[in-house]
Protein backbone atom coordinates (compact mmCIF):
# COMPACT_ATOMS: atom_id res chain seq x y z
CA MET A 1 25.23 -17.57 7.99
CA SER A 2 22.80 -16.51 10.47
CA GLY A 3 22.30 -13.29 8.33
CA TRP A 4 20.83 -15.10 5.64
CA THR A 5 18.62 -17.39 7.43
CA ASP A 6 17.18 -14.61 9.35
CA PHE A 7 16.41 -12.63 5.78
CA LEU A 8 14.76 -15.77 4.61
CA SER A 9 12.52 -16.33 7.88
CA ILE A 10 11.65 -12.45 7.88
CA THR A 11 10.69 -13.14 4.07
CA LYS A 12 8.60 -16.05 4.87
CA GLU A 13 6.98 -14.22 7.55
CA LEU A 14 6.09 -11.62 5.09
CA ASP A 15 5.01 -14.07 2.73
CA GLU A 16 2.77 -15.66 4.99
CA LEU A 17 1.43 -12.24 6.08
CA VAL A 18 0.32 -10.98 2.81
CA HIS A 19 -1.20 -14.09 1.75
CA CYS A 20 -3.52 -14.15 4.85
CA PRO A 21 -7.25 -13.07 4.17
CA ILE A 22 -7.45 -9.37 4.32
CA HIS A 23 -10.75 -7.59 5.16
CA GLU A 24 -11.55 -3.85 5.83
CA LYS A 25 -11.05 -4.39 9.51
CA ASN A 26 -7.66 -6.04 9.58
CA ARG A 27 -6.09 -4.27 6.69
CA ALA A 28 -4.82 -1.30 8.85
CA SER A 29 -2.79 -3.77 11.12
CA ILE A 30 -1.69 -5.92 8.45
CA VAL A 31 -0.02 -2.92 6.54
CA GLU A 32 1.36 -1.84 9.64
CA GLN A 33 3.02 -5.41 10.23
CA VAL A 34 4.07 -5.38 6.67
CA ASP A 35 5.73 -1.99 7.20
CA VAL A 36 7.75 -3.24 10.06
CA LEU A 37 8.74 -6.44 8.45
CA LEU A 38 10.09 -4.43 5.37
CA ASP A 39 11.85 -2.17 7.56
CA LYS A 40 13.51 -5.04 9.24
CA ARG A 41 14.73 -6.56 6.06
CA GLU A 42 15.82 -3.13 4.63
CA ALA A 43 18.25 -2.78 7.72
CA MET A 44 19.30 -6.35 7.40
CA LEU A 45 20.08 -6.02 3.58
CA LYS A 46 22.78 -3.44 4.68
CA ASP A 47 24.77 -5.70 6.61
CA LEU A 48 24.52 -8.90 4.53
CA ARG A 49 27.63 -10.15 3.00
CA LYS A 50 27.80 -11.99 -0.42
CA PRO A 51 26.29 -15.38 0.05
CA THR A 52 28.44 -18.64 0.08
CA HIS A 53 27.75 -21.51 -2.02
CA GLU A 54 25.58 -23.03 0.71
CA GLU A 55 23.68 -19.83 1.00
CA LYS A 56 22.86 -19.44 -2.61
CA GLU A 57 19.84 -21.63 -2.32
CA MET A 58 18.32 -19.60 0.49
CA VAL A 59 19.11 -16.57 -1.51
CA GLN A 60 17.20 -18.17 -4.48
CA GLU A 61 14.03 -18.93 -2.24
CA ALA A 62 14.26 -15.43 -1.01
CA ILE A 63 14.19 -13.87 -4.39
CA GLN A 64 11.39 -16.32 -5.46
CA ARG A 65 9.33 -15.54 -2.07
CA ASP A 66 10.19 -11.79 -2.70
CA LEU A 67 8.59 -11.73 -6.34
CA LYS A 68 5.36 -13.15 -4.89
CA VAL A 69 5.13 -10.72 -1.86
CA ASN A 70 5.62 -7.72 -4.52
CA GLN A 71 2.96 -9.17 -6.57
CA LYS A 72 0.45 -9.52 -3.58
CA LEU A 73 1.69 -5.74 -2.00
CA GLU A 74 0.69 -4.34 -5.39
CA PHE A 75 -2.70 -5.94 -5.51
CA LEU A 76 -3.18 -5.00 -1.78
CA PHE A 77 -2.35 -1.45 -2.47
CA GLU A 78 -4.35 -0.95 -5.50
CA GLY A 79 -7.34 -2.12 -3.64
CA LEU A 80 -6.29 0.62 -0.80
CA LYS A 81 -6.12 3.20 -3.69
CA ARG A 82 -9.53 2.20 -5.01
CA ASP A 83 -11.18 2.41 -1.79
CA MET A 84 -9.88 5.80 -1.13
CA ARG A 85 -10.90 6.87 -4.32
CA ASN A 86 -14.50 5.71 -3.63
CA MET A 87 -14.51 7.27 -0.14
CA LYS A 88 -13.54 10.54 -2.02
CA LYS A 89 -16.46 10.27 -4.32
CA GLN A 90 -18.93 9.53 -1.72
CA LYS A 91 -17.77 12.48 0.11
CA ALA A 92 -18.24 14.64 -2.77
CA SER A 93 -21.51 13.22 -3.75
CA LYS A 94 -22.69 13.49 -0.12
CA GLN A 95 -21.58 17.20 -0.21
CA ARG A 96 -23.73 17.90 -3.51
CA TYR A 97 -26.54 16.15 -1.82
CA ILE A 98 -26.47 18.50 1.23
CA ASN A 99 -25.95 21.54 -0.55
CA PRO A 100 -26.88 21.19 -4.37
CA TYR A 101 -26.56 24.83 -5.39
CA GLN A 102 -22.79 25.04 -4.33
CA SER A 103 -21.37 24.60 -7.75
CA ILE A 104 -23.68 27.20 -9.40
CA SER A 105 -22.18 30.57 -10.19
CA GLY A 106 -23.02 33.52 -8.39
CA TYR A 107 -23.55 35.68 -11.50
CA ASP A 108 -26.05 33.34 -13.18
CA GLY A 109 -29.01 35.23 -14.25
CA THR A 110 -27.86 38.75 -13.08
CA TYR A 111 -27.12 41.73 -15.26
CA VAL A 112 -23.75 43.34 -14.96
CA ASP A 113 -23.60 46.96 -16.34
CA HIS A 114 -19.93 47.57 -17.57
CA LYS A 115 -20.42 51.35 -18.28
CA LYS A 116 -19.09 54.10 -15.86
């Protein structure tokens, strides 16, 4: 019985972690903590047996919390992807500002004689 209670406690901890306020400063640490908890849960899933009648309520609660965690993680990672795209755009625009003639072709305005 301790297997399912431990699994539920880790799921609760994960649920609380993803629902805390996330800022740019603490996002990296939260992602690391989420990764550690997900690894623990994955290792526990391999060793869990079929739940007994008493444990079925804990399993249902774990499933409900897992759905909430998945939704919040999707939201978190979409924000992370958006920030990465914005950083890439900022880098490209900064590079164009520094060297505005980089994208212009070298043959622009030149005459190339194709005769031998």
